[in-house]
C-alpha atoms as a PDB file:
ATOM      1  CA  UNK A   1      21.300  12.184  -4.982  1.00  0.00           C
ATOM      2  CA  UNK A   2      18.107  13.080  -6.849  1.00  0.00           C
ATOM      3  CA  UNK A   3      18.703  10.144  -9.214  1.00  0.00           C
ATOM      4  CA  UNK A   4      18.923   7.744  -6.250  1.00  0.00           C
ATOM      5  CA  UNK A   5      15.678   9.000  -4.710  1.00  0.00           C
ATOM      6  CA  UNK A   6      13.991   8.814  -8.114  1.00  0.00           C
ATOM      7  CA  UNK A   7      15.205   5.256  -8.664  1.00  0.00           C
ATOM      8  CA  UNK A   8      13.884   4.099  -5.272  1.00  0.00           C
ATOM      9  CA  UNK A   9      10.512   5.689  -6.036  1.00  0.00           C
ATOM     10  CA  UNK A  10      10.554   4.000  -9.434  1.00  0.00           C
ATOM     11  CA  UNK A  11      11.140   0.499  -8.087  1.00  0.00           C
ATOM     12  CA  UNK A  12       8.479   0.876  -5.396  1.00  0.00           C
ATOM     13  CA  UNK A  13       5.946   2.304  -7.847  1.00  0.00           C
ATOM     14  CA  UNK A  14       6.556  -0.497 -10.356  1.00  0.00           C
ATOM     15  CA  UNK A  15       4.732  -2.971  -8.123  1.00  0.00           C
ATOM     16  CA  UNK A  16       1.582  -0.854  -7.782  1.00  0.00           C
ATOM     17  CA  UNK A  17       0.025  -1.714 -11.190  1.00  0.00           C
ATOM     18  CA  UNK A  18       0.465  -5.420 -10.471  1.00  0.00           C
ATOM     19  CA  UNK A  19      -1.201  -5.145  -7.076  1.00  0.00           C
ATOM     20  CA  UNK A  20      -3.945  -2.887  -8.410  1.00  0.00           C
ATOM     21  CA  UNK A  21      -4.672  -5.325 -11.240  1.00  0.00           C
ATOM     22  CA  UNK A  22      -5.518  -7.968  -8.657  1.00  0.00           C
ATOM     23  CA  UNK A  23      -7.841  -5.560  -6.816  1.00  0.00           C
ATOM     24  CA  UNK A  24      -9.518  -4.422 -10.046  1.00  0.00           C
ATOM     25  CA  UNK A  25     -10.679  -7.944 -10.800  1.00  0.00           C
ATOM     26  CA  UNK A  26     -13.463  -7.572  -8.208  1.00  0.00           C
ATOM     27  CA  UNK A  27     -13.766  -3.829  -7.548  1.00  0.00           C
ATOM     28  CA  UNK A  28     -14.667  -0.721  -9.561  1.00  0.00           C
ATOM     29  CA  UNK A  29     -11.692   1.437 -10.678  1.00  0.00           C
ATOM     30  CA  UNK A  30     -12.943   4.614  -8.948  1.00  0.00           C
ATOM     31  CA  UNK A  31     -13.200   2.825  -5.614  1.00  0.00           C
ATOM     32  CA  UNK A  32      -9.770   1.208  -5.950  1.00  0.00           C
ATOM     33  CA  UNK A  33      -8.163   4.565  -6.766  1.00  0.00           C
ATOM     34  CA  UNK A  34      -9.894   6.191  -3.800  1.00  0.00           C
ATOM     35  CA  UNK A  35      -9.247   3.567  -1.114  1.00  0.00           C
ATOM     36  CA  UNK A  36      -5.536   3.185  -1.860  1.00  0.00           C
ATOM     37  CA  UNK A  37      -4.850   6.918  -1.751  1.00  0.00           C
ATOM     38  CA  UNK A  38      -7.158   7.578   1.212  1.00  0.00           C
ATOM     39  CA  UNK A  39      -5.682   4.751   3.291  1.00  0.00           C
ATOM     40  CA  UNK A  40      -2.152   5.911   2.497  1.00  0.00           C
ATOM     41  CA  UNK A  41      -2.720   9.394   3.961  1.00  0.00           C
ATOM     42  CA  UNK A  42      -2.011   8.540   7.657  1.00  0.00           C
ATOM     43  CA  UNK A  43       1.236   6.761   6.777  1.00  0.00           C
ATOM     44  CA  UNK A  44       2.235   9.534   4.397  1.00  0.00           C
ATOM     45  CA  UNK A  45       1.488  12.154   7.078  1.00  0.00           C
ATOM     46  CA  UNK A  46       3.604  10.285   9.641  1.00  0.00           C
ATOM     47  CA  UNK A  47       6.592  10.000   7.318  1.00  0.00           C
ATOM     48  CA  UNK A  48       6.205  13.627   6.234  1.00  0.00           C
ATOM     49  CA  UNK A  49       6.239  14.810   9.854  1.00  0.00           C
ATOM     50  CA  UNK A  50       9.312  12.726  10.572  1.00  0.00           C
ATOM     51  CA  UNK A  51      11.215  13.964   7.531  1.00  0.00           C
ATOM     52  CA  UNK A  52      10.288  17.645   7.653  1.00  0.00           C
ATOM     53  CA  UNK A  53       9.517  18.494  11.277  1.00  0.00           C
ATOM     54  CA  UNK A  54      11.660  16.139  13.378  1.00  0.00           C
ATOM     55  CA  UNK A  55      15.367  15.728  14.040  1.00  0.00           C
ATOM     56  CA  UNK A  56      17.521  13.139  15.815  1.00  0.00           C
ATOM     57  CA  UNK A  57      20.414  14.231  18.033  1.00  0.00           C
ATOM     58  CA  UNK A  58      22.895  12.427  20.260  1.00  0.00           C
ATOM     59  CA  UNK A  59      22.982  13.539  23.879  1.00  0.00           C
ATOM     60  CA  UNK A  60      24.114  10.519  25.815  1.00  0.00           C
ATOM     61  CA  UNK A  61      21.691   8.610  23.617  1.00  0.00           C
ATOM     62  CA  UNK A  62      19.445   9.118  20.657  1.00  0.00           C
ATOM     63  CA  UNK A  63      17.012  11.983  21.193  1.00  0.00           C
ATOM     64  CA  UNK A  64      14.066  12.576  18.881  1.00  0.00           C
ATOM     65  CA  UNK A  65      12.644  16.077  18.892  1.00  0.00           C
ATOM     66  CA  UNK A  66       9.766  17.391  16.782  1.00  0.00           C
ATOM     67  CA  UNK A  67       8.451  20.895  16.318  1.00  0.00           C
ATOM     68  CA  UNK A  68       5.687  21.752  13.911  1.00  0.00           C
ATOM     69  CA  UNK A  69       6.680  24.800  11.896  1.00  0.00           C
ATOM     70  CA  UNK A  70       4.349  25.560   8.959  1.00  0.00           C
ATOM     71  CA  UNK A  71       6.241  26.542   5.812  1.00  0.00           C
ATOM     72  CA  UNK A  72       5.823  29.958   4.232  1.00  0.00           C
ATOM     73  CA  UNK A  73       3.953  29.841   0.921  1.00  0.00           C
ATOM     74  CA  UNK A  74       2.673  32.317  -1.639  1.00  0.00           C
ATOM     75  CA  UNK A  75      -0.140  32.526  -4.159  1.00  0.00           C
ATOM     76  CA  UNK A  76       1.826  30.683  -6.850  1.00  0.00           C
ATOM     77  CA  UNK A  77       2.259  27.757  -4.459  1.00  0.00           C
ATOM     78  CA  UNK A  78      -1.492  27.562  -3.834  1.00  0.00           C
ATOM     79  CA  UNK A  79      -2.358  27.794  -7.536  1.00  0.00           C
ATOM     80  CA  UNK A  80       0.242  25.187  -8.532  1.00  0.00           C
ATOM     81  CA  UNK A  81      -0.835  22.812  -5.765  1.00  0.00           C
ATOM     82  CA  UNK A  82      -4.544  23.046  -6.634  1.00  0.00           C
ATOM     83  CA  UNK A  83      -3.881  22.610 -10.345  1.00  0.00           C
ATOM     84  CA  UNK A  84      -1.589  19.625  -9.807  1.00  0.00           C
ATOM     85  CA  UNK A  85      -4.126  17.963  -7.501  1.00  0.00           C
ATOM     86  CA  UNK A  86      -6.885  18.376 -10.086  1.00  0.00           C
ATOM     87  CA  UNK A  87      -4.752  16.949 -12.888  1.00  0.00           C
ATOM     88  CA  UNK A  88      -3.521  14.151 -10.620  1.00  0.00           C
ATOM     89  CA  UNK A  89      -7.134  13.262  -9.857  1.00  0.00           C
ATOM     90  CA  UNK A  90      -8.009  13.023 -13.552  1.00  0.00           C
ATOM     91  CA  UNK A  91      -4.842  11.103 -14.457  1.00  0.00           C
ATOM     92  CA  UNK A  92      -5.309   8.647 -11.580  1.00  0.00           C
ATOM     93  CA  UNK A  93      -8.862   7.848 -12.636  1.00  0.00           C
ATOM     94  CA  UNK A  94      -7.944   7.518 -16.306  1.00  0.00           C
ATOM     95  CA  UNK A  95      -4.969   5.253 -15.664  1.00  0.00           C
ATOM     96  CA  UNK A  96      -6.921   3.056 -13.235  1.00  0.00           C
ATOM     97  CA  UNK A  97      -9.759   2.599 -15.725  1.00  0.00           C
ATOM     98  CA  UNK A  98      -7.211   1.792 -18.456  1.00  0.00           C
ATOM     99  CA  UNK A  99      -5.549  -0.755 -16.186  1.00  0.00           C
ATOM    100  CA  UNK A 100      -8.901  -2.445 -15.548  1.00  0.00           C
ATOM    101  CA  UNK A 101      -9.489  -2.870 -19.306  1.00  0.00           C
ATOM    102  CA  UNK A 102      -6.068  -3.953 -20.611  1.00  0.00           C
ATOM    103  CA  UNK A 103      -2.875  -5.814 -19.737  1.00  0.00           C
ATOM    104  CA  UNK A 104      -0.522  -4.184 -17.263  1.00  0.00           C
ATOM    105  CA  UNK A 105       2.342  -4.665 -19.728  1.00  0.00           C
ATOM    106  CA  UNK A 106       0.434  -2.597 -22.303  1.00  0.00           C
ATOM    107  CA  UNK A 107      -0.816   0.228 -20.083  1.00  0.00           C
ATOM    108  CA  UNK A 108       2.394   0.830 -18.128  1.00  0.00           C
ATOM    109  CA  UNK A 109       4.629   1.487 -21.167  1.00  0.00           C
ATOM    110  CA  UNK A 110       2.120   4.021 -22.455  1.00  0.00           C
ATOM    111  CA  UNK A 111       2.603   6.001 -19.273  1.00  0.00           C
ATOM    112  CA  UNK A 112       6.254   6.500 -20.247  1.00  0.00           C
ATOM    113  CA  UNK A 113       5.536   8.843 -23.142  1.00  0.00           C
ATOM    114  CA  UNK A 114       5.406  12.002 -21.030  1.00  0.00           C
ATOM    115  CA  UNK A 115       9.111  12.738 -20.250  1.00  0.00           C
ATOM    116  CA  UNK A 116       9.586  14.655 -23.505  1.00  0.00           C
ATOM    117  CA  UNK A 117       6.431  16.634 -22.831  1.00  0.00           C
ATOM    118  CA  UNK A 118       7.497  17.318 -19.251  1.00  0.00           C
ATOM    119  CA  UNK A 119      10.976  18.333 -20.362  1.00  0.00           C
ATOM    120  CA  UNK A 120       9.505  20.861 -22.787  1.00  0.00           C
ATOM    121  CA  UNK A 121       7.107  22.312 -20.197  1.00  0.00           C
ATOM    122  CA  UNK A 122       9.882  22.507 -17.588  1.00  0.00           C
ATOM    123  CA  UNK A 123      12.111  24.298 -20.091  1.00  0.00           C
ATOM    124  CA  UNK A 124       9.424  26.873 -20.850  1.00  0.00           C
ATOM    125  CA  UNK A 125       8.143  27.424 -17.297  1.00  0.00           C
ATOM    126  CA  UNK A 126      11.012  26.565 -14.941  1.00  0.00           C
ATOM    127  CA  UNK A 127      13.953  27.571 -17.147  1.00  0.00           C
ATOM    128  CA  UNK A 128      15.466  24.079 -16.842  1.00  0.00           C
ATOM    129  CA  UNK A 129      17.554  23.830 -20.024  1.00  0.00           C
ATOM    130  CA  UNK A 130      18.274  20.182 -20.917  1.00  0.00           C
ATOM    131  CA  UNK A 131      21.740  19.035 -21.971  1.00  0.00           C
ATOM    132  CA  UNK A 132      22.406  16.955 -25.051  1.00  0.00           C
ATOM    133  CA  UNK A 133      23.027  13.705 -23.185  1.00  0.00           C
ATOM    134  CA  UNK A 134      19.892  14.046 -21.057  1.00  0.00           C
ATOM    135  CA  UNK A 135      17.781  14.914 -24.080  1.00  0.00           C
ATOM    136  CA  UNK A 136      19.151  11.886 -25.904  1.00  0.00           C
ATOM    137  CA  UNK A 137      18.313   9.769 -22.867  1.00  0.00           C
ATOM    138  CA  UNK A 138      14.690  10.908 -22.959  1.00  0.00           C
ATOM    139  CA  UNK A 139      14.486  10.045 -26.668  1.00  0.00           C
ATOM    140  CA  UNK A 140      15.948   6.595 -26.026  1.00  0.00           C
ATOM    141  CA  UNK A 141      13.411   5.983 -23.243  1.00  0.00           C
ATOM    142  CA  UNK A 142      10.596   6.817 -25.646  1.00  0.00           C
ATOM    143  CA  UNK A 143      12.047   4.574 -28.377  1.00  0.00           C
ATOM    144  CA  UNK A 144      12.242   1.763 -25.839  1.00  0.00           C
ATOM    145  CA  UNK A 145       8.584   2.249 -24.989  1.00  0.00           C
ATOM    146  CA  UNK A 146       7.757   1.868 -28.691  1.00  0.00           C
ATOM    147  CA  UNK A 147       9.796  -1.338 -28.865  1.00  0.00           C
ATOM    148  CA  UNK A 148       7.687  -2.857 -26.105  1.00  0.00           C
ATOM    149  CA  UNK A 149       5.018  -3.347 -28.796  1.00  0.00           C
ATOM    150  CA  UNK A 150       7.449  -3.943 -31.690  1.00  0.00           C
ATOM    151  CA  UNK A 151       5.874  -7.304 -32.627  1.00  0.00           C
ATOM    152  CA  UNK A 152       3.011  -5.367 -34.180  1.00  0.00           C
ATOM    153  CA  UNK A 153       5.526  -3.749 -36.573  1.00  0.00           C
ATOM    154  CA  UNK A 154       5.561  -6.936 -38.645  1.00  0.00           C
ATOM    155  CA  UNK A 155       2.505  -5.627 -40.504  1.00  0.00           C
ATOM    156  CA  UNK A 156       3.903  -2.106 -40.847  1.00  0.00           C
ATOM    157  CA  UNK A 157       6.240   0.324 -39.180  1.00  0.00           C
ATOM    158  CA  UNK A 158       3.389   2.311 -37.677  1.00  0.00           C
ATOM    159  CA  UNK A 159       1.207  -0.678 -36.812  1.00  0.00           C
ATOM    160  CA  UNK A 160       1.986  -0.441 -33.094  1.00  0.00           C
ATOM    161  CA  UNK A 161       0.823   3.168 -33.116  1.00  0.00           C
ATOM    162  CA  UNK A 162      -2.329   2.351 -35.093  1.00  0.00           C
ATOM    163  CA  UNK A 163      -3.130  -0.451 -32.680  1.00  0.00           C
ATOM    164  CA  UNK A 164      -2.740   1.819 -29.699  1.00  0.00           C
ATOM    165  CA  UNK A 165      -4.926   4.552 -31.161  1.00  0.00           C
ATOM    166  CA  UNK A 166      -7.775   2.103 -31.800  1.00  0.00           C
ATOM    167  CA  UNK A 167      -8.002   0.895 -28.189  1.00  0.00           C
ATOM    168  CA  UNK A 168      -9.881   2.962 -25.615  1.00  0.00           C
ATOM    169  CA  UNK A 169      -7.608   1.732 -22.828  1.00  0.00           C
ATOM    170  CA  UNK A 170      -4.545   2.913 -24.762  1.00  0.00           C
ATOM    171  CA  UNK A 171      -6.030   6.357 -25.361  1.00  0.00           C
ATOM    172  CA  UNK A 172      -6.932   6.687 -21.670  1.00  0.00           C
ATOM    173  CA  UNK A 173      -3.378   5.744 -20.663  1.00  0.00           C
ATOM    174  CA  UNK A 174      -1.805   8.196 -23.121  1.00  0.00           C
ATOM    175  CA  UNK A 175      -4.080  10.980 -21.874  1.00  0.00           C
ATOM    176  CA  UNK A 176      -3.181  10.147 -18.270  1.00  0.00           C
ATOM    177  CA  UNK A 177       0.492  10.219 -19.213  1.00  0.00           C
ATOM    178  CA  UNK A 178       0.137  13.693 -20.709  1.00  0.00           C
ATOM    179  CA  UNK A 179      -1.645  14.991 -17.605  1.00  0.00           C
ATOM    180  CA  UNK A 180       1.042  13.578 -15.336  1.00  0.00           C
ATOM    181  CA  UNK A 181       3.643  15.295 -17.488  1.00  0.00           C
ATOM    182  CA  UNK A 182       2.047  18.611 -16.528  1.00  0.00           C
ATOM    183  CA  UNK A 183       1.517  17.767 -12.845  1.00  0.00           C
ATOM    184  CA  UNK A 184       5.227  17.087 -12.335  1.00  0.00           C
ATOM    185  CA  UNK A 185       6.053  20.606 -13.469  1.00  0.00           C
ATOM    186  CA  UNK A 186       3.333  22.091 -11.253  1.00  0.00           C
ATOM    187  CA  UNK A 187       4.548  20.120  -8.238  1.00  0.00           C
ATOM    188  CA  UNK A 188       8.091  21.350  -8.837  1.00  0.00           C
ATOM    189  CA  UNK A 189       6.725  24.896  -9.038  1.00  0.00           C
ATOM    190  CA  UNK A 190       4.888  24.426  -5.734  1.00  0.00           C
ATOM    191  CA  UNK A 191       8.041  23.125  -4.032  1.00  0.00           C
ATOM    192  CA  UNK A 192      10.042  26.099  -5.295  1.00  0.00           C
ATOM    193  CA  UNK A 193       7.482  28.534  -3.851  1.00  0.00           C
ATOM    194  CA  UNK A 194       7.539  27.292  -0.269  1.00  0.00           C
ATOM    195  CA  UNK A 195      10.098  28.081   2.415  1.00  0.00           C
ATOM    196  CA  UNK A 196      11.779  25.832   3.325  1.00  0.00           C
ATOM    197  CA  UNK A 197      11.264  23.694   0.194  1.00  0.00           C
ATOM    198  CA  UNK A 198       9.840  20.281   1.061  1.00  0.00           C
ATOM    199  CA  UNK A 199       8.905  17.572  -1.401  1.00  0.00           C
ATOM    200  CA  UNK A 200       7.212  15.371   1.248  1.00  0.00           C
ATOM    201  CA  UNK A 201       4.928  18.223   2.370  1.00  0.00           C
ATOM    202  CA  UNK A 202       3.786  18.834  -1.194  1.00  0.00           C
ATOM    203  CA  UNK A 203       3.274  15.075  -1.618  1.00  0.00           C
ATOM    204  CA  UNK A 204       1.045  14.989   1.463  1.00  0.00           C
ATOM    205  CA  UNK A 205      -1.016  18.037   0.523  1.00  0.00           C
ATOM    206  CA  UNK A 206      -1.385  16.938  -3.091  1.00  0.00           C
ATOM    207  CA  UNK A 207      -2.505  13.433  -2.087  1.00  0.00           C
ATOM    208  CA  UNK A 208      -5.000  14.846   0.419  1.00  0.00           C
ATOM    209  CA  UNK A 209      -6.574  17.120  -2.184  1.00  0.00           C
ATOM    210  CA  UNK A 210      -6.671  14.289  -4.701  1.00  0.00           C
ATOM    211  CA  UNK A 211      -8.479  12.048  -2.188  1.00  0.00           C
ATOM    212  CA  UNK A 212     -11.041  14.812  -1.624  1.00  0.00           C
ATOM    213  CA  UNK A 213     -11.668  14.933  -5.377  1.00  0.00           C
ATOM    214  CA  UNK A 214     -11.821  11.132  -5.674  1.00  0.00           C
ATOM    215  CA  UNK A 215     -14.339  10.711  -2.849  1.00  0.00           C
ATOM    216  CA  UNK A 216     -17.570  11.766  -4.651  1.00  0.00           C
ATOM    217  CA  UNK A 217     -16.889   9.449  -7.588  1.00  0.00           C
ATOM    218  CA  UNK A 218     -16.083   6.509  -5.329  1.00  0.00           C
ATOM    219  CA  UNK A 219     -19.171   7.055  -3.204  1.00  0.00           C
ATOM    220  CA  UNK A 220     -21.458   7.587  -6.212  1.00  0.00           C
ATOM    221  CA  UNK A 221     -20.219   4.426  -7.885  1.00  0.00           C
ATOM    222  CA  UNK A 222     -20.683   2.450  -4.730  1.00  0.00           C
ATOM    223  CA  UNK A 223     -24.264   3.603  -4.123  1.00  0.00           C
ATOM    224  CA  UNK A 224     -25.487   3.272  -7.716  1.00  0.00           C
ATOM    225  CA  UNK A 225     -23.966   0.021  -8.904  1.00  0.00           C
ATOM    226  CA  UNK A 226     -23.704  -2.186  -5.874  1.00  0.00           C
ATOM    227  CA  UNK A 227     -24.210  -2.093  -2.145  1.00  0.00           C
ATOM    228  CA  UNK A 228     -21.629  -0.723   0.240  1.00  0.00           C
ATOM    229  CA  UNK A 229     -21.313  -4.091   1.939  1.00  0.00           C
ATOM    230  CA  UNK A 230     -20.545  -6.014  -1.249  1.00  0.00           C
ATOM    231  CA  UNK A 231     -18.042  -3.388  -2.421  1.00  0.00           C
ATOM    232  CA  UNK A 232     -16.059  -3.542   0.805  1.00  0.00           C
ATOM    233  CA  UNK A 233     -16.346  -7.323   0.912  1.00  0.00           C
ATOM    234  CA  UNK A 234     -14.864  -7.722  -2.553  1.00  0.00           C
ATOM    235  CA  UNK A 235     -12.035  -5.343  -1.723  1.00  0.00           C
ATOM    236  CA  UNK A 236     -11.221  -6.921   1.644  1.00  0.00           C
ATOM    237  CA  UNK A 237     -11.080 -10.350  -0.001  1.00  0.00           C
ATOM    238  CA  UNK A 238      -7.467  -9.409  -0.827  1.00  0.00           C
ATOM    239  CA  UNK A 239      -6.137  -8.016   2.493  1.00  0.00           C
ATOM    240  CA  UNK A 240      -2.434  -8.572   1.758  1.00  0.00           C
ATOM    241  CA  UNK A 241      -2.662  -7.067  -1.701  1.00  0.00           C
ATOM    242  CA  UNK A 242      -4.562  -4.049  -0.389  1.00  0.00           C
ATOM    243  CA  UNK A 243      -2.102  -3.544   2.488  1.00  0.00           C
ATOM    244  CA  UNK A 244       0.888  -3.732   0.166  1.00  0.00           C
ATOM    245  CA  UNK A 245      -0.700  -1.253  -2.252  1.00  0.00           C
ATOM    246  CA  UNK A 246      -1.426   1.211   0.547  1.00  0.00           C
ATOM    247  CA  UNK A 247       2.106   0.924   1.949  1.00  0.00           C
ATOM    248  CA  UNK A 248       3.747   1.475  -1.441  1.00  0.00           C
ATOM    249  CA  UNK A 249       1.398   4.360  -2.257  1.00  0.00           C
ATOM    250  CA  UNK A 250       2.437   5.954   1.044  1.00  0.00           C
ATOM    251  CA  UNK A 251       6.199   5.622   0.791  1.00  0.00           C
ATOM    252  CA  UNK A 252       6.905   6.015  -2.937  1.00  0.00           C
ATOM    253  CA  UNK A 253       5.689   9.665  -3.164  1.00  0.00           C
ATOM    254  CA  UNK A 254       8.105  10.694  -0.412  1.00  0.00           C
ATOM    255  CA  UNK A 255      11.079   9.545  -2.474  1.00  0.00           C
ATOM    256  CA  UNK A 256       9.543  10.850  -5.682  1.00  0.00           C
ATOM    257  CA  UNK A 257       8.794  14.352  -4.460  1.00  0.00           C
ATOM    258  CA  UNK A 258      12.187  14.599  -2.752  1.00  0.00           C
ATOM    259  CA  UNK A 259      13.827  13.682  -6.078  1.00  0.00           C
ATOM    260  CA  UNK A 260      11.792  16.411  -7.806  1.00  0.00           C
ATOM    261  CA  UNK A 261      12.866  18.928  -5.173  1.00  0.00           C
ATOM    262  CA  UNK A 262      16.563  18.077  -5.574  1.00  0.00           C
ATOM    263  CA  UNK A 263      16.869  17.550  -9.316  1.00  0.00           C
ATOM    264  CA  UNK A 264      15.772  18.829 -12.698  1.00  0.00           C
ATOM    265  CA  UNK A 265      12.156  17.848 -13.147  1.00  0.00           C
ATOM    266  CA  UNK A 266      12.496  16.638 -16.740  1.00  0.00           C
ATOM    267  CA  UNK A 267      15.363  14.304 -15.918  1.00  0.00           C
ATOM    268  CA  UNK A 268      13.765  12.987 -12.723  1.00  0.00           C
ATOM    269  CA  UNK A 269      10.530  12.268 -14.594  1.00  0.00           C
ATOM    270  CA  UNK A 270      12.431  10.273 -17.216  1.00  0.00           C
ATOM    271  CA  UNK A 271      13.861   8.063 -14.453  1.00  0.00           C
ATOM    272  CA  UNK A 272      10.355   7.591 -13.086  1.00  0.00           C
ATOM    273  CA  UNK A 273       9.336   6.147 -16.441  1.00  0.00           C
ATOM    274  CA  UNK A 274      11.718   3.239 -15.888  1.00  0.00           C
ATOM    275  CA  UNK A 275       8.967   1.861 -13.638  1.00  0.00           C
ATOM    276  CA  UNK A 276       7.382   0.514 -16.830  1.00  0.00           C
ATOM    277  CA  UNK A 277      10.464  -1.649 -17.339  1.00  0.00           C
ATOM    278  CA  UNK A 278      10.109  -3.286 -13.951  1.00  0.00           C
ATOM    279  CA  UNK A 279       6.317  -3.436 -14.187  1.00  0.00           C
ATOM    280  CA  UNK A 280       6.557  -5.271 -17.521  1.00  0.00           C
ATOM    281  CA  UNK A 281       8.839  -7.826 -15.932  1.00  0.00           C
ATOM    282  CA  UNK A 282       6.527  -8.231 -12.932  1.00  0.00           C
ATOM    283  CA  UNK A 283       3.515  -8.599 -15.281  1.00  0.00           C
ATOM    284  CA  UNK A 284       5.257 -11.437 -17.113  1.00  0.00           C
ATOM    285  CA  UNK A 285       6.423 -13.055 -13.875  1.00  0.00           C
ATOM    286  CA  UNK A 286       3.340 -12.682 -11.664  1.00  0.00           C
ATOM    287  CA  UNK A 287       0.477 -12.353 -14.166  1.00  0.00           C
ATOM    288  CA  UNK A 288       1.776 -14.492 -17.027  1.00  0.00           C
ATOM    289  CA  UNK A 289       1.311 -11.765 -19.651  1.00  0.00           C
ATOM    290  CA  UNK A 290       2.825 -12.460 -23.073  1.00  0.00           C
ATOM    291  CA  UNK A 291       5.164 -10.799 -25.574  1.00  0.00           C
ATOM    292  CA  UNK A 292       7.965 -11.125 -23.060  1.00  0.00           C
ATOM    293  CA  UNK A 293      10.772 -11.075 -25.626  1.00  0.00           C
ATOM    294  CA  UNK A 294       9.800  -7.837 -27.374  1.00  0.00           C
ATOM    295  CA  UNK A 295       8.911  -6.126 -24.136  1.00  0.00           C
ATOM    296  CA  UNK A 296      12.204  -7.118 -22.537  1.00  0.00           C
ATOM    297  CA  UNK A 297      13.937  -5.623 -25.588  1.00  0.00           C
ATOM    298  CA  UNK A 298      12.070  -2.390 -24.994  1.00  0.00           C
ATOM    299  CA  UNK A 299      12.892  -2.584 -21.299  1.00  0.00           C
ATOM    300  CA  UNK A 300      16.620  -2.883 -22.041  1.00  0.00           C
ATOM    301  CA  UNK A 301      16.559   0.165 -24.338  1.00  0.00           C
ATOM    302  CA  UNK A 302      14.694   2.130 -21.700  1.00  0.00           C
ATOM    303  CA  UNK A 303      17.341   1.185 -19.150  1.00  0.00           C
ATOM    304  CA  UNK A 304      20.008   2.712 -21.397  1.00  0.00           C
ATOM    305  CA  UNK A 305      17.954   5.874 -21.749  1.00  0.00           C
ATOM    306  CA  UNK A 306      17.533   6.076 -17.999  1.00  0.00           C
ATOM    307  CA  UNK A 307      21.284   5.826 -17.475  1.00  0.00           C
ATOM    308  CA  UNK A 308      21.884   8.623 -19.978  1.00  0.00           C
ATOM    309  CA  UNK A 309      19.467  10.791 -18.051  1.00  0.00           C
ATOM    310  CA  UNK A 310      20.752   9.975 -14.581  1.00  0.00           C
ATOM    311  CA  UNK A 311      24.530   9.886 -15.048  1.00  0.00           C
END
């Protein structure tokens, strides 16, 4: 079941970089990151309430009943939640800036390099011992990510790596990937230290804290570089794109955090990385980005790795 929830979250999330790329053409990265997450909070709160505090029964008809019952948490929950929100804030900003500077099909694969790191952290902190097949699946996912830039290997086996390390956008994406590898473990730790465990509640609280941290940067950028009116005008020039981004940013975390709550965090994270496969396809289809053949090869290899992890 955790694999199914993770796969749904993956497909939904794969469209976000494409939508955000459109918004970033006219708007500063800090503001885009802030508005999407801030606007998603009401929808996320509504879904969280429905999933964690409400139930449907049949008594001569469908009856919806809700009762707010705050979960019991401890100090480890608070520490893990605060730390994950801080790292999420940094990773969100870094990845958004990287996306504004480079192709979606380049940035998204770089965000797939963290499953191995997450698996190691989860093993050391959560005592989640990986099996041979799952570990192999993670390795295959990472090899597939390398193959997405395999055309650069014509000038040398390590040319793709050298190219990545000489681009600021690539370094920002890799750093964001590493931070997200840690946040997944912290979020799992927070879920495990609340009673009853609830992935959607942690998703809501984490997103709220991240929005609080994003707000000063978004407001500072808006006041220093351009007027408030022009910033909002440029953003609202794409109402459908903005609405779709907000909706996906609201729903995808619910599936993602539920998958984390139900499954092993290292394996679930590896499935999440399949979003780069779909995003690469969408970038070729909707944005006309090149290197389709090599990136589809990498996408196919990543698919195999994802199956090894999930099955």
